[in-house]
Amino acid sequence: MGKVKTHKASAKRFSVTGTGKVKLNHCHRRHKTGNKSGNKLRHLRGSAYVQGKMAENVKALICK
């Protein structure tokens, strides 16, 4: 039986914290920011956490 490989696209977008939470950075911050309000850009600045079943799915993709 072969090795379980890491899904590289997911590994570049998500990371697992020391407590086991799945962390991600917000999208829509690269370009066309002049059309977005400052309030929206401020909320997109920080990172966020994946919740629920989606977190389990992401962990399965980026398992090591």
PDB file of N, CA and C in Angstrom:
ATOM      1  N   MET A   1       0.839  -1.176   0.000  1.00  0.00           N
ATOM      2  CA  MET A   1       0.000   0.000   0.000  1.00  0.00           C
ATOM      3  C   MET A   1       0.890   1.247   0.000  1.00  0.00           C
ATOM      4  N   GLY A   2       0.526   2.231  -0.818  1.00  0.00           N
ATOM      5  CA  GLY A   2       1.334   3.431  -0.961  1.00  0.00           C
ATOM      6  C   GLY A   2       1.172   4.381   0.210  1.00  0.00           C
ATOM      7  N   LYS A   3       2.012   5.405   0.205  1.00  0.00           N
ATOM      8  CA  LYS A   3       1.963   6.414   1.249  1.00  0.00           C
ATOM      9  C   LYS A   3       0.763   7.334   1.055  1.00  0.00           C
ATOM     10  N   VAL A   4       0.303   7.930   2.151  1.00  0.00           N
ATOM     11  CA  VAL A   4      -0.741   8.947   2.087  1.00  0.00           C
ATOM     12  C   VAL A   4      -0.048  10.269   1.812  1.00  0.00           C
ATOM     13  N   LYS A   5      -0.418  10.924   0.724  1.00  0.00           N
ATOM     14  CA  LYS A   5       0.265  12.147   0.329  1.00  0.00           C
ATOM     15  C   LYS A   5      -0.507  13.374   0.790  1.00  0.00           C
ATOM     16  N   THR A   6       0.234  14.432   1.051  1.00  0.00           N
ATOM     17  CA  THR A   6      -0.348  15.709   1.433  1.00  0.00           C
ATOM     18  C   THR A   6      -0.908  16.400   0.206  1.00  0.00           C
ATOM     19  N   HIS A   7      -2.097  16.993   0.330  1.00  0.00           N
ATOM     20  CA  HIS A   7      -2.684  17.796  -0.738  1.00  0.00           C
ATOM     21  C   HIS A   7      -2.012  19.164  -0.688  1.00  0.00           C
ATOM     22  N   LYS A   8      -1.103  19.430  -1.626  1.00  0.00           N
ATOM     23  CA  LYS A   8      -0.221  20.587  -1.548  1.00  0.00           C
ATOM     24  C   LYS A   8      -0.975  21.907  -1.660  1.00  0.00           C
ATOM     25  N   ALA A   9      -2.039  21.965  -2.465  1.00  0.00           N
ATOM     26  CA  ALA A   9      -2.797  23.212  -2.590  1.00  0.00           C
ATOM     27  C   ALA A   9      -3.447  23.583  -1.264  1.00  0.00           C
ATOM     28  N   SER A  10      -3.938  22.583  -0.540  1.00  0.00           N
ATOM     29  CA  SER A  10      -4.537  22.846   0.769  1.00  0.00           C
ATOM     30  C   SER A  10      -3.473  23.182   1.804  1.00  0.00           C
ATOM     31  N   ALA A  11      -2.333  22.543   1.713  1.00  0.00           N
ATOM     32  CA  ALA A  11      -1.264  22.785   2.678  1.00  0.00           C
ATOM     33  C   ALA A  11      -0.748  24.212   2.591  1.00  0.00           C
ATOM     34  N   LYS A  12      -0.831  24.815   1.403  1.00  0.00           N
ATOM     35  CA  LYS A  12      -0.377  26.192   1.240  1.00  0.00           C
ATOM     36  C   LYS A  12      -1.391  27.191   1.790  1.00  0.00           C
ATOM     37  N   ARG A  13      -2.640  26.797   1.922  1.00  0.00           N
ATOM     38  CA  ARG A  13      -3.703  27.707   2.333  1.00  0.00           C
ATOM     39  C   ARG A  13      -4.102  27.560   3.802  1.00  0.00           C
ATOM     40  N   PHE A  14      -3.900  26.397   4.365  1.00  0.00           N
ATOM     41  CA  PHE A  14      -4.334  26.130   5.733  1.00  0.00           C
ATOM     42  C   PHE A  14      -3.145  25.687   6.572  1.00  0.00           C
ATOM     43  N   SER A  15      -3.244  25.910   7.882  1.00  0.00           N
ATOM     44  CA  SER A  15      -2.246  25.388   8.812  1.00  0.00           C
ATOM     45  C   SER A  15      -2.965  24.961  10.084  1.00  0.00           C
ATOM     46  N   VAL A  16      -2.398  23.991  10.770  1.00  0.00           N
ATOM     47  CA  VAL A  16      -2.988  23.481  12.006  1.00  0.00           C
ATOM     48  C   VAL A  16      -2.207  24.065  13.171  1.00  0.00           C
ATOM     49  N   THR A  17      -2.922  24.647  14.123  1.00  0.00           N
ATOM     50  CA  THR A  17      -2.287  25.261  15.285  1.00  0.00           C
ATOM     51  C   THR A  17      -1.891  24.181  16.294  1.00  0.00           C
ATOM     52  N   GLY A  18      -1.231  24.588  17.341  1.00  0.00           N
ATOM     53  CA  GLY A  18      -0.807  23.648  18.370  1.00  0.00           C
ATOM     54  C   GLY A  18      -1.965  23.003  19.099  1.00  0.00           C
ATOM     55  N   THR A  19      -3.096  23.714  19.191  1.00  0.00           N
ATOM     56  CA  THR A  19      -4.270  23.161  19.866  1.00  0.00           C
ATOM     57  C   THR A  19      -5.153  22.351  18.929  1.00  0.00           C
ATOM     58  N   GLY A  20      -4.784  22.262  17.633  1.00  0.00           N
ATOM     59  CA  GLY A  20      -5.539  21.445  16.695  1.00  0.00           C
ATOM     60  C   GLY A  20      -6.541  22.198  15.848  1.00  0.00           C
ATOM     61  N   LYS A  21      -6.618  23.521  15.995  1.00  0.00           N
ATOM     62  CA  LYS A  21      -7.527  24.302  15.154  1.00  0.00           C
ATOM     63  C   LYS A  21      -6.909  24.488  13.774  1.00  0.00           C
ATOM     64  N   VAL A  22      -7.772  24.638  12.766  1.00  0.00           N
ATOM     65  CA  VAL A  22      -7.306  24.857  11.401  1.00  0.00           C
ATOM     66  C   VAL A  22      -7.413  26.347  11.105  1.00  0.00           C
ATOM     67  N   LYS A  23      -6.280  26.946  10.757  1.00  0.00           N
ATOM     68  CA  LYS A  23      -6.184  28.388  10.568  1.00  0.00           C
ATOM     69  C   LYS A  23      -6.063  28.703   9.084  1.00  0.00           C
ATOM     70  N   LEU A  24      -6.662  29.835   8.652  1.00  0.00           N
ATOM     71  CA  LEU A  24      -6.570  30.253   7.260  1.00  0.00           C
ATOM     72  C   LEU A  24      -6.500  31.764   7.180  1.00  0.00           C
ATOM     73  N   ASN A  25      -5.984  32.270   6.072  1.00  0.00           N
ATOM     74  CA  ASN A  25      -5.969  33.697   5.805  1.00  0.00           C
ATOM     75  C   ASN A  25      -7.142  34.032   4.896  1.00  0.00           C
ATOM     76  N   HIS A  26      -7.672  35.239   5.038  1.00  0.00           N
ATOM     77  CA  HIS A  26      -8.814  35.657   4.239  1.00  0.00           C
ATOM     78  C   HIS A  26      -8.407  35.891   2.785  1.00  0.00           C
ATOM     79  N   CYS A  27      -9.373  35.732   1.892  1.00  0.00           N
ATOM     80  CA  CYS A  27      -9.148  36.022   0.479  1.00  0.00           C
ATOM     81  C   CYS A  27      -9.713  37.415   0.158  1.00  0.00           C
ATOM     82  N   HIS A  28      -9.613  37.833  -1.095  1.00  0.00           N
ATOM     83  CA  HIS A  28     -10.112  39.122  -1.600  1.00  0.00           C
ATOM     84  C   HIS A  28      -9.327  40.307  -1.057  1.00  0.00           C
ATOM     85  N   ARG A  29      -8.018  40.128  -0.792  1.00  0.00           N
ATOM     86  CA  ARG A  29      -7.190  41.224  -0.295  1.00  0.00           C
ATOM     87  C   ARG A  29      -6.066  41.586  -1.264  1.00  0.00           C
ATOM     88  N   ARG A  30      -5.942  40.921  -2.385  1.00  0.00           N
ATOM     89  CA  ARG A  30      -4.791  41.095  -3.268  1.00  0.00           C
ATOM     90  C   ARG A  30      -4.912  42.327  -4.155  1.00  0.00           C
ATOM     91  N   HIS A  31      -6.041  42.451  -4.832  1.00  0.00           N
ATOM     92  CA  HIS A  31      -6.197  43.567  -5.763  1.00  0.00           C
ATOM     93  C   HIS A  31      -7.644  44.022  -5.760  1.00  0.00           C
ATOM     94  N   LYS A  32      -7.896  45.122  -6.446  1.00  0.00           N
ATOM     95  CA  LYS A  32      -9.212  45.773  -6.474  1.00  0.00           C
ATOM     96  C   LYS A  32      -9.670  46.146  -5.064  1.00  0.00           C
ATOM     97  N   THR A  33      -8.735  46.627  -4.263  1.00  0.00           N
ATOM     98  CA  THR A  33      -9.086  47.005  -2.899  1.00  0.00           C
ATOM     99  C   THR A  33      -9.662  48.415  -2.827  1.00  0.00           C
ATOM    100  N   GLY A  34      -9.531  49.180  -3.906  1.00  0.00           N
ATOM    101  CA  GLY A  34     -10.094  50.519  -3.914  1.00  0.00           C
ATOM    102  C   GLY A  34     -11.607  50.520  -3.916  1.00  0.00           C
ATOM    103  N   ASN A  35     -12.209  49.436  -4.398  1.00  0.00           N
ATOM    104  CA  ASN A  35     -13.666  49.328  -4.447  1.00  0.00           C
ATOM    105  C   ASN A  35     -14.256  48.835  -3.136  1.00  0.00           C
ATOM    106  N   LYS A  36     -13.420  48.315  -2.265  1.00  0.00           N
ATOM    107  CA  LYS A  36     -13.905  47.752  -1.008  1.00  0.00           C
ATOM    108  C   LYS A  36     -13.785  48.800   0.096  1.00  0.00           C
ATOM    109  N   SER A  37     -14.709  48.759   1.025  1.00  0.00           N
ATOM    110  CA  SER A  37     -14.692  49.729   2.121  1.00  0.00           C
ATOM    111  C   SER A  37     -13.562  49.400   3.093  1.00  0.00           C
ATOM    112  N   GLY A  38     -13.140  50.420   3.817  1.00  0.00           N
ATOM    113  CA  GLY A  38     -12.084  50.222   4.799  1.00  0.00           C
ATOM    114  C   GLY A  38     -12.494  49.256   5.886  1.00  0.00           C
ATOM    115  N   ASN A  39     -13.781  49.263   6.231  1.00  0.00           N
ATOM    116  CA  ASN A  39     -14.280  48.351   7.256  1.00  0.00           C
ATOM    117  C   ASN A  39     -14.141  46.904   6.799  1.00  0.00           C
ATOM    118  N   LYS A  40     -14.456  46.645   5.530  1.00  0.00           N
ATOM    119  CA  LYS A  40     -14.338  45.289   4.988  1.00  0.00           C
ATOM    120  C   LYS A  40     -12.878  44.855   4.952  1.00  0.00           C
ATOM    121  N   LEU A  41     -11.999  45.734   4.498  1.00  0.00           N
ATOM    122  CA  LEU A  41     -10.584  45.385   4.422  1.00  0.00           C
ATOM    123  C   LEU A  41      -9.992  45.159   5.806  1.00  0.00           C
ATOM    124  N   ARG A  42     -10.452  45.888   6.783  1.00  0.00           N
ATOM    125  CA  ARG A  42      -9.957  45.726   8.142  1.00  0.00           C
ATOM    126  C   ARG A  42     -10.336  44.356   8.701  1.00  0.00           C
ATOM    127  N   HIS A  43     -11.549  43.913   8.380  1.00  0.00           N
ATOM    128  CA  HIS A  43     -11.987  42.592   8.845  1.00  0.00           C
ATOM    129  C   HIS A  43     -11.269  41.467   8.113  1.00  0.00           C
ATOM    130  N   LEU A  44     -10.868  41.720   6.868  1.00  0.00           N
ATOM    131  CA  LEU A  44     -10.162  40.694   6.106  1.00  0.00           C
ATOM    132  C   LEU A  44      -8.686  40.600   6.479  1.00  0.00           C
ATOM    133  N   ARG A  45      -8.192  41.561   7.252  1.00  0.00           N
ATOM    134  CA  ARG A  45      -6.766  41.642   7.541  1.00  0.00           C
ATOM    135  C   ARG A  45      -6.284  40.461   8.375  1.00  0.00           C
ATOM    136  N   GLY A  46      -7.003  40.086   9.386  1.00  0.00           N
ATOM    137  CA  GLY A  46      -6.559  39.021  10.276  1.00  0.00           C
ATOM    138  C   GLY A  46      -6.828  37.638   9.713  1.00  0.00           C
ATOM    139  N   SER A  47      -6.441  36.642  10.458  1.00  0.00           N
ATOM    140  CA  SER A  47      -6.696  35.268  10.050  1.00  0.00           C
ATOM    141  C   SER A  47      -7.991  34.775  10.693  1.00  0.00           C
ATOM    142  N   ALA A  48      -8.452  33.614  10.237  1.00  0.00           N
ATOM    143  CA  ALA A  48      -9.698  33.044  10.737  1.00  0.00           C
ATOM    144  C   ALA A  48      -9.484  31.553  10.964  1.00  0.00           C
ATOM    145  N   TYR A  49     -10.492  30.915  11.531  1.00  0.00           N
ATOM    146  CA  TYR A  49     -10.426  29.490  11.804  1.00  0.00           C
ATOM    147  C   TYR A  49     -11.554  28.772  11.084  1.00  0.00           C
ATOM    148  N   VAL A  50     -11.244  27.585  10.578  1.00  0.00           N
ATOM    149  CA  VAL A  50     -12.247  26.732   9.948  1.00  0.00           C
ATOM    150  C   VAL A  50     -13.003  26.017  11.053  1.00  0.00           C
ATOM    151  N   GLN A  51     -14.315  25.857  10.871  1.00  0.00           N
ATOM    152  CA  GLN A  51     -15.128  25.273  11.927  1.00  0.00           C
ATOM    153  C   GLN A  51     -15.835  24.015  11.458  1.00  0.00           C
ATOM    154  N   GLY A  52     -16.151  23.169  12.405  1.00  0.00           N
ATOM    155  CA  GLY A  52     -17.023  22.024  12.179  1.00  0.00           C
ATOM    156  C   GLY A  52     -16.422  20.939  11.310  1.00  0.00           C
ATOM    157  N   LYS A  53     -17.267  20.368  10.473  1.00  0.00           N
ATOM    158  CA  LYS A  53     -16.886  19.247   9.622  1.00  0.00           C
ATOM    159  C   LYS A  53     -15.823  19.644   8.607  1.00  0.00           C
ATOM    160  N   MET A  54     -15.862  20.909   8.171  1.00  0.00           N
ATOM    161  CA  MET A  54     -14.876  21.373   7.201  1.00  0.00           C
ATOM    162  C   MET A  54     -13.467  21.289   7.772  1.00  0.00           C
ATOM    163  N   ALA A  55     -13.312  21.535   9.056  1.00  0.00           N
ATOM    164  CA  ALA A  55     -11.995  21.439   9.694  1.00  0.00           C
ATOM    165  C   ALA A  55     -11.475  20.010   9.652  1.00  0.00           C
ATOM    166  N   GLU A  56     -12.354  19.050   9.864  1.00  0.00           N
ATOM    167  CA  GLU A  56     -11.958  17.639   9.791  1.00  0.00           C
ATOM    168  C   GLU A  56     -11.508  17.273   8.381  1.00  0.00           C
ATOM    169  N   ASN A  57     -12.225  17.786   7.373  1.00  0.00           N
ATOM    170  CA  ASN A  57     -11.879  17.502   5.990  1.00  0.00           C
ATOM    171  C   ASN A  57     -10.514  18.091   5.625  1.00  0.00           C
ATOM    172  N   VAL A  58     -10.254  19.311   6.080  1.00  0.00           N
ATOM    173  CA  VAL A  58      -8.985  19.955   5.776  1.00  0.00           C
ATOM    174  C   VAL A  58      -7.845  19.225   6.466  1.00  0.00           C
ATOM    175  N   LYS A  59      -8.056  18.787   7.710  1.00  0.00           N
ATOM    176  CA  LYS A  59      -7.016  18.045   8.424  1.00  0.00           C
ATOM    177  C   LYS A  59      -6.680  16.749   7.708  1.00  0.00           C
ATOM    178  N   ALA A  60      -7.686  16.114   7.131  1.00  0.00           N
ATOM    179  CA  ALA A  60      -7.437  14.866   6.401  1.00  0.00           C
ATOM    180  C   ALA A  60      -6.612  15.129   5.143  1.00  0.00           C
ATOM    181  N   LEU A  61      -6.803  16.303   4.512  1.00  0.00           N
ATOM    182  CA  LEU A  61      -6.052  16.632   3.314  1.00  0.00           C
ATOM    183  C   LEU A  61      -4.601  16.961   3.615  1.00  0.00           C
ATOM    184  N   ILE A  62      -4.349  17.621   4.739  1.00  0.00           N
ATOM    185  CA  ILE A  62      -2.993  18.071   5.017  1.00  0.00           C
ATOM    186  C   ILE A  62      -2.318  17.239   6.108  1.00  0.00           C
ATOM    187  N   CYS A  63      -2.775  16.012   6.290  1.00  0.00           N
ATOM    188  CA  CYS A  63      -2.159  15.144   7.293  1.00  0.00           C
ATOM    189  C   CYS A  63      -0.713  14.861   6.905  1.00  0.00           C
ATOM    190  N   LYS A  64       0.106  14.599   7.897  1.00  0.00           N
ATOM    191  CA  LYS A  64       1.533  14.397   7.615  1.00  0.00           C
ATOM    192  C   LYS A  64       1.961  13.012   7.959  1.00  0.00           C
TER     193      LYS A  64
END
